[in-house]
Every structure is written in structure tokens, then in C-alpha cells.
Amino acid sequence: MRVRWLSLVICCLCGVLAACTTVRGDARQPIPMHLVPAPAPAHRLMVVLPGRGDDLRALERSGVAATIQQAWPDTDVLLAEANMAYYEEGRVTRRLHDEVVMPALARHHYAQVWMAGASLGGMGTLLYDQDWPGTLDGLVLLAPYLGEPATTDAIRASGGLARWDPTPAPANATAWEARQRELWRHLQGWLRDPAQARRAWLAVGTQDRLRPSIELLMPALPANHVVVPPGGHAWSTWTPATGVLLRRARN
């Protein structure tokens, strides 16, 4: 079932994120990673997931690791190229857990574990948090992909996330449609559990094409956990926004 819905995710992403180049790795290989050690004694781990068009080198060029460590010098940054192949395989959250997060925790005792994801990686961050509850102390969501218009339009038409009826998908729904509803039902739970919502920090550019769907999530978060800087769907927007969010989270 999970393989099926993830395959459908890819089909949807190919339309929604058509302007992005797809990076396809080899899911038979371990997830490529690059650890950027903290400049101060490390007390925190930040795993960074790429967008659909990013490989490990693009994550390195983005400057996000340096930005994270400027705000939080005690943070080891682990760039993890969980690219399209791992989503297509259907086990991306399991593999992130087994290959990235748990080995890092085995090597070092961190006081906190955070995950940041851009676009497709934002979806991956949310799915990881849903599948492995209690693992992440914080989430940084950079213009996260949140699903197809059929679901987000229904939430908007109902008057927003608080009023949306998250009953199970009809029997004729696809596996991906059902999974979207599960994720949005999970996110709706943040409205009832502010402690969960306070773990999440969100950025989306003013010109980002995913902004209409992302705005549906904003009421679930504290107002100062959201930034909407000028810019579009690119690291040139997300990297400085990450610094703004982490400086707020530090205070």
C-alpha cells in the first residue's frame, strides 16, 4: 500500500513541481549524506532534506548548513539526499530513521533532534514526524509540498483546517488520496494540541506557487513561527528564512 501511494505522490509532484528538475538516485544504495560538524560542542542535530530538484551538492551550495550554525553554533548539520528514488521505493521514512537519524544518535548523544525539509523534503519531514512520533524535537518546513488540489481545495471550501471534516476517504479514493487525508488529519490535530504545533516552524516565499496550500496550515502554528519573505520556490528564499526562524526559536 505504501509503495502504491508513494508512486502516486511522484505522479502528482511531476505536475505540481513541473518547473523543478528531478534528481533520481539509486534507492539500492544508502542515502547519501554529508555531516557538517558544529563549530561549538554539539548538543543538537539538524537533518536537512532536499527538494525534488536537489542533490547533495545542491544542499551544500545552498548555504543552509552555515546559516543553521550561525543561528545555533551547537548544531551538527546532517545533509541527507533523500531524493525521488527513495520516495518511489516506498520506504523513505523508514530509511531516514534507520540510515540517518538512528545512526547519528548512536554516534553522539544529542539533547535535541530537528529535521528541516524543503518542498518535497518538507513533505518528507511531516511524514517522518507522523510515522516516528516523539523522535523530533522540532521541524523546519520550507515551502512544504502538502498534496493535491483536490484535498487542499476541500479544506479551503470548508472554511479552513479547523472546520474541515477529516472523515476517512471514500472507498473509491486512491491510496494517495487516503494518505493525504491522513496527513492533513494529523496536522489538524495540531490545533487541539498546541505543544505539537509549537515544534514546527514554517517559511514560504511571497511568490511561491505552493503558497495557497501552505496558507491552510498556517492557522495551526503560532503566528511568530511563520515567515513569508519575498521570493519564490528556491533556496535563495529558504536559506535566509531558516536563519530567521532559528533565531526566533532560540529566544
Protein backbone atom coordinates (compact mmCIF):
# COMPACT_ATOMS: atom_id res chain seq x y z
CA MET A 1 0.00 0.00 0.00
CA ARG A 2 2.72 2.48 0.95
CA VAL A 3 4.66 1.79 -2.26
CA ARG A 4 1.49 2.43 -4.24
CA TRP A 5 0.66 5.74 -2.62
CA LEU A 6 4.23 6.98 -2.87
CA SER A 7 4.25 6.18 -6.58
CA LEU A 8 1.13 8.27 -6.88
CA VAL A 9 2.83 11.06 -4.96
CA ILE A 10 5.52 11.15 -7.60
CA CYS A 11 2.96 11.43 -10.40
CA CYS A 12 1.35 14.36 -8.62
CA LEU A 13 4.67 16.01 -7.91
CA CYS A 14 5.66 15.77 -11.55
CA GLY A 15 2.72 18.04 -12.34
CA VAL A 16 2.74 20.34 -9.33
CA LEU A 17 6.51 20.86 -9.33
CA ALA A 18 6.99 20.66 -13.07
CA ALA A 19 9.44 23.58 -13.08
CA CYS A 20 11.88 21.62 -10.90
CA THR A 21 14.49 19.25 -12.25
CA THR A 22 14.03 15.77 -10.85
CA VAL A 23 17.03 14.25 -9.08
CA ARG A 24 16.80 10.47 -9.20
CA GLY A 25 19.34 8.45 -7.31
CA ASP A 26 19.62 4.73 -6.77
CA ALA A 27 17.46 3.52 -3.88
CA ARG A 28 19.54 0.34 -3.74
CA GLN A 29 22.33 2.48 -2.29
CA PRO A 30 22.40 4.07 1.19
CA ILE A 31 21.04 7.61 1.39
CA PRO A 32 23.95 9.96 0.53
CA MET A 33 24.90 12.18 3.46
CA HIS A 34 27.29 14.95 4.41
CA LEU A 35 27.87 15.83 8.06
CA VAL A 36 28.81 19.43 8.81
CA PRO A 37 30.17 19.33 12.38
CA ALA A 38 29.12 22.03 14.81
CA PRO A 39 31.68 24.80 15.41
CA ALA A 40 30.90 24.51 19.13
CA PRO A 41 30.29 21.42 21.29
CA ALA A 42 27.33 19.70 19.64
CA HIS A 43 24.11 19.46 21.63
CA ARG A 44 21.67 19.35 18.72
CA LEU A 45 21.28 17.51 15.41
CA MET A 46 19.58 19.07 12.37
CA VAL A 47 18.83 16.70 9.49
CA VAL A 48 18.18 18.60 6.23
CA LEU A 49 16.14 17.01 3.43
CA PRO A 50 16.25 18.23 -0.19
CA GLY A 51 13.62 19.40 -2.60
CA ARG A 52 12.78 17.43 -5.71
CA GLY A 53 15.45 19.18 -7.76
CA ASP A 54 18.27 18.93 -5.21
CA ASP A 55 21.11 16.51 -4.84
CA LEU A 56 23.69 16.52 -2.05
CA ARG A 57 25.83 19.07 -3.85
CA ALA A 58 22.86 21.43 -4.19
CA LEU A 59 22.24 21.17 -0.45
CA GLU A 60 25.88 22.03 0.16
CA ARG A 61 25.72 25.01 -2.22
CA SER A 62 22.52 26.30 -0.64
CA GLY A 63 24.42 27.61 2.39
CA VAL A 64 21.74 26.28 4.71
CA ALA A 65 24.24 24.43 6.92
CA ALA A 66 26.24 27.60 7.60
CA THR A 67 23.02 29.54 8.22
CA ILE A 68 21.84 26.95 10.73
CA GLN A 69 25.16 27.04 12.57
CA GLN A 70 25.28 30.83 12.60
CA ALA A 71 21.98 30.79 14.48
CA TRP A 72 22.75 27.66 16.53
CA PRO A 73 26.53 27.06 16.78
CA ASP A 74 25.99 23.91 18.87
CA THR A 75 24.29 22.08 15.98
CA ASP A 76 25.64 19.24 13.87
CA VAL A 77 24.01 19.57 10.44
CA LEU A 78 23.45 16.34 8.53
CA LEU A 79 22.56 16.91 4.88
CA ALA A 80 20.70 13.83 3.62
CA GLU A 81 19.95 13.35 -0.07
CA ALA A 82 16.62 11.56 0.29
CA ASN A 83 15.82 12.07 -3.39
CA MET A 84 12.93 10.90 -5.55
CA ALA A 85 14.17 7.32 -5.75
CA TYR A 86 13.64 6.77 -2.03
CA TYR A 87 10.08 8.11 -2.20
CA GLU A 88 9.34 5.92 -5.20
CA GLU A 89 10.69 2.90 -3.35
CA GLY A 90 8.01 3.49 -0.70
CA ARG A 91 10.19 3.38 2.43
CA VAL A 92 11.59 6.88 2.70
CA THR A 93 10.61 7.48 6.34
CA ARG A 94 11.84 4.04 7.42
CA ARG A 95 15.14 4.56 5.63
CA LEU A 96 15.59 8.05 7.08
CA HIS A 97 15.05 6.55 10.50
CA ASP A 98 17.33 3.53 10.02
CA GLU A 99 20.09 5.07 7.90
CA VAL A 100 20.21 8.71 9.01
CA VAL A 101 18.62 9.52 12.36
CA MET A 102 19.31 6.44 14.47
CA PRO A 103 22.97 6.02 13.42
CA ALA A 104 23.56 9.70 14.23
CA LEU A 105 22.05 9.19 17.67
CA ALA A 106 24.18 6.09 18.18
CA ARG A 107 27.35 8.09 17.42
CA HIS A 108 26.52 11.05 19.65
CA HIS A 109 24.11 11.85 22.47
CA TYR A 110 22.14 14.88 21.31
CA ALA A 111 19.85 16.84 23.59
CA GLN A 112 17.59 17.60 20.61
CA VAL A 113 16.92 16.24 17.13
CA TRP A 114 15.43 18.50 14.46
CA MET A 115 14.58 17.96 10.82
CA ALA A 116 14.31 20.57 8.07
CA GLY A 117 12.90 19.93 4.63
CA ALA A 118 12.30 22.00 1.51
CA SER A 119 9.38 21.35 -0.85
CA LEU A 120 9.31 17.55 -1.29
CA GLY A 121 11.61 17.38 1.74
CA GLY A 122 9.04 19.34 3.72
CA MET A 123 6.50 16.64 2.95
CA GLY A 124 9.12 14.05 3.92
CA THR A 125 9.71 15.84 7.23
CA LEU A 126 5.99 15.81 8.05
CA LEU A 127 5.63 12.16 7.06
CA TYR A 128 8.67 11.23 9.16
CA ASP A 129 7.22 13.04 12.16
CA GLN A 130 3.89 11.27 11.65
CA ASP A 131 5.47 7.83 11.24
CA TRP A 132 8.02 8.22 14.07
CA PRO A 133 6.21 10.24 16.75
CA GLY A 134 8.34 11.53 19.60
CA THR A 135 11.61 11.40 17.66
CA LEU A 136 11.81 15.02 16.51
CA ASP A 137 12.02 17.97 18.89
CA GLY A 138 11.49 20.45 16.06
CA LEU A 139 10.54 20.72 12.40
CA VAL A 140 11.56 23.41 9.92
CA LEU A 141 9.19 23.38 6.94
CA LEU A 142 10.43 25.29 3.92
CA ALA A 143 7.60 25.67 1.40
CA PRO A 144 6.47 22.08 2.02
CA TYR A 145 4.54 20.23 -0.65
CA LEU A 146 1.22 19.38 1.05
CA GLY A 147 -0.70 17.43 -1.54
CA GLU A 148 -3.03 17.74 -4.48
CA PRO A 149 -5.62 20.49 -5.01
CA ALA A 150 -8.48 18.01 -4.56
CA THR A 151 -7.65 17.78 -0.86
CA THR A 152 -6.49 21.33 -0.23
CA ASP A 153 -9.44 22.79 -2.16
CA ALA A 154 -11.82 20.77 0.01
CA ILE A 155 -10.16 22.14 3.15
CA ARG A 156 -10.39 25.68 1.81
CA ALA A 157 -14.05 25.24 0.79
CA SER A 158 -14.94 24.01 4.26
CA GLY A 159 -13.68 27.24 5.80
CA GLY A 160 -10.19 26.14 6.76
CA LEU A 161 -8.43 23.37 8.61
CA ALA A 162 -10.39 23.82 11.84
CA ARG A 163 -13.73 23.32 10.07
CA TRP A 164 -12.66 20.60 7.66
CA ASP A 165 -14.22 17.17 8.20
CA PRO A 166 -11.35 14.66 8.21
CA THR A 167 -13.54 11.58 7.88
CA PRO A 168 -11.84 8.70 6.08
CA ALA A 169 -11.58 8.92 2.33
CA PRO A 170 -14.36 7.21 0.34
CA ALA A 171 -13.88 3.62 -0.71
CA ASN A 172 -13.11 4.63 -4.29
CA ALA A 173 -10.31 7.00 -3.27
CA THR A 174 -6.77 6.24 -4.37
CA ALA A 175 -4.17 5.24 -1.82
CA TRP A 176 -2.52 8.65 -2.17
CA GLU A 177 -5.82 10.49 -1.63
CA ALA A 178 -6.32 8.48 1.53
CA ARG A 179 -2.76 9.18 2.69
CA GLN A 180 -3.20 12.91 2.12
CA ARG A 181 -6.28 12.90 4.31
CA GLU A 182 -4.33 11.03 6.99
CA LEU A 183 -1.58 13.64 6.90
CA TRP A 184 -3.99 16.57 7.00
CA ARG A 185 -5.92 14.91 9.82
CA HIS A 186 -2.61 14.63 11.66
CA LEU A 187 -1.94 18.32 11.02
CA GLN A 188 -5.46 19.24 12.14
CA GLY A 189 -4.57 17.58 15.44
CA TRP A 190 -2.03 20.36 16.00
CA LEU A 191 -4.99 22.72 16.51
CA ARG A 192 -6.04 20.63 19.50
CA ASP A 193 -2.51 20.06 20.76
CA PRO A 194 -0.57 23.35 20.76
CA ALA A 195 2.50 21.62 22.18
CA GLN A 196 2.83 19.68 18.93
CA ALA A 197 2.33 22.81 16.84
CA ARG A 198 4.99 24.69 18.80
CA ARG A 199 7.59 22.25 17.46
CA ALA A 200 7.01 23.42 13.87
CA TRP A 201 8.46 26.46 12.09
CA LEU A 202 7.34 27.41 8.60
CA ALA A 203 8.62 29.61 5.75
CA VAL A 204 7.18 30.24 2.30
CA GLY A 205 8.04 32.96 -0.18
CA THR A 206 5.51 35.57 -1.26
CA GLN A 207 5.76 34.36 -4.87
CA ASP A 208 5.90 30.64 -4.12
CA ARG A 209 3.47 28.65 -6.25
CA LEU A 210 2.74 26.34 -3.29
CA ARG A 211 1.76 29.23 -1.02
CA PRO A 212 -2.05 28.79 -1.38
CA SER A 213 -1.94 25.28 0.06
CA ILE A 214 0.66 26.17 2.68
CA GLU A 215 -1.52 29.00 3.96
CA LEU A 216 -4.07 26.37 5.04
CA LEU A 217 -1.53 25.07 7.56
CA MET A 218 -0.58 28.46 8.98
CA PRO A 219 -3.51 28.77 11.46
CA ALA A 220 -2.30 25.62 13.20
CA LEU A 221 1.02 27.28 14.09
CA PRO A 222 1.85 30.12 16.46
CA ALA A 223 1.98 33.35 14.45
CA ASN A 224 5.64 34.00 15.19
CA HIS A 225 6.56 30.53 13.89
CA VAL A 226 5.72 31.59 10.33
CA VAL A 227 7.70 33.84 7.99
CA VAL A 228 6.67 34.91 4.47
CA PRO A 229 9.72 36.61 2.95
CA PRO A 230 9.91 37.99 -0.59
CA GLY A 231 10.85 35.32 -3.09
CA GLY A 232 9.84 32.13 -4.78
CA HIS A 233 10.36 28.38 -4.57
CA ALA A 234 14.14 28.37 -4.16
CA TRP A 235 16.96 28.14 -1.64
CA SER A 236 17.65 31.84 -2.19
CA THR A 237 14.41 32.33 -0.23
CA TRP A 238 14.63 29.37 2.12
CA THR A 239 18.18 29.71 3.39
CA PRO A 240 17.85 33.20 4.90
CA ALA A 241 14.35 32.34 6.13
CA THR A 242 15.82 29.37 8.00
CA GLY A 243 18.11 31.75 9.86
CA VAL A 244 15.19 33.98 10.81
CA LEU A 245 13.17 31.04 12.12
CA LEU A 246 16.01 29.54 14.14
CA ARG A 247 16.89 32.86 15.75
CA ARG A 248 13.26 33.13 16.81
CA ALA A 249 13.31 29.55 18.09
CA ARG A 250 16.40 30.30 20.14
CA ASN A 251 14.70 33.13 22.01
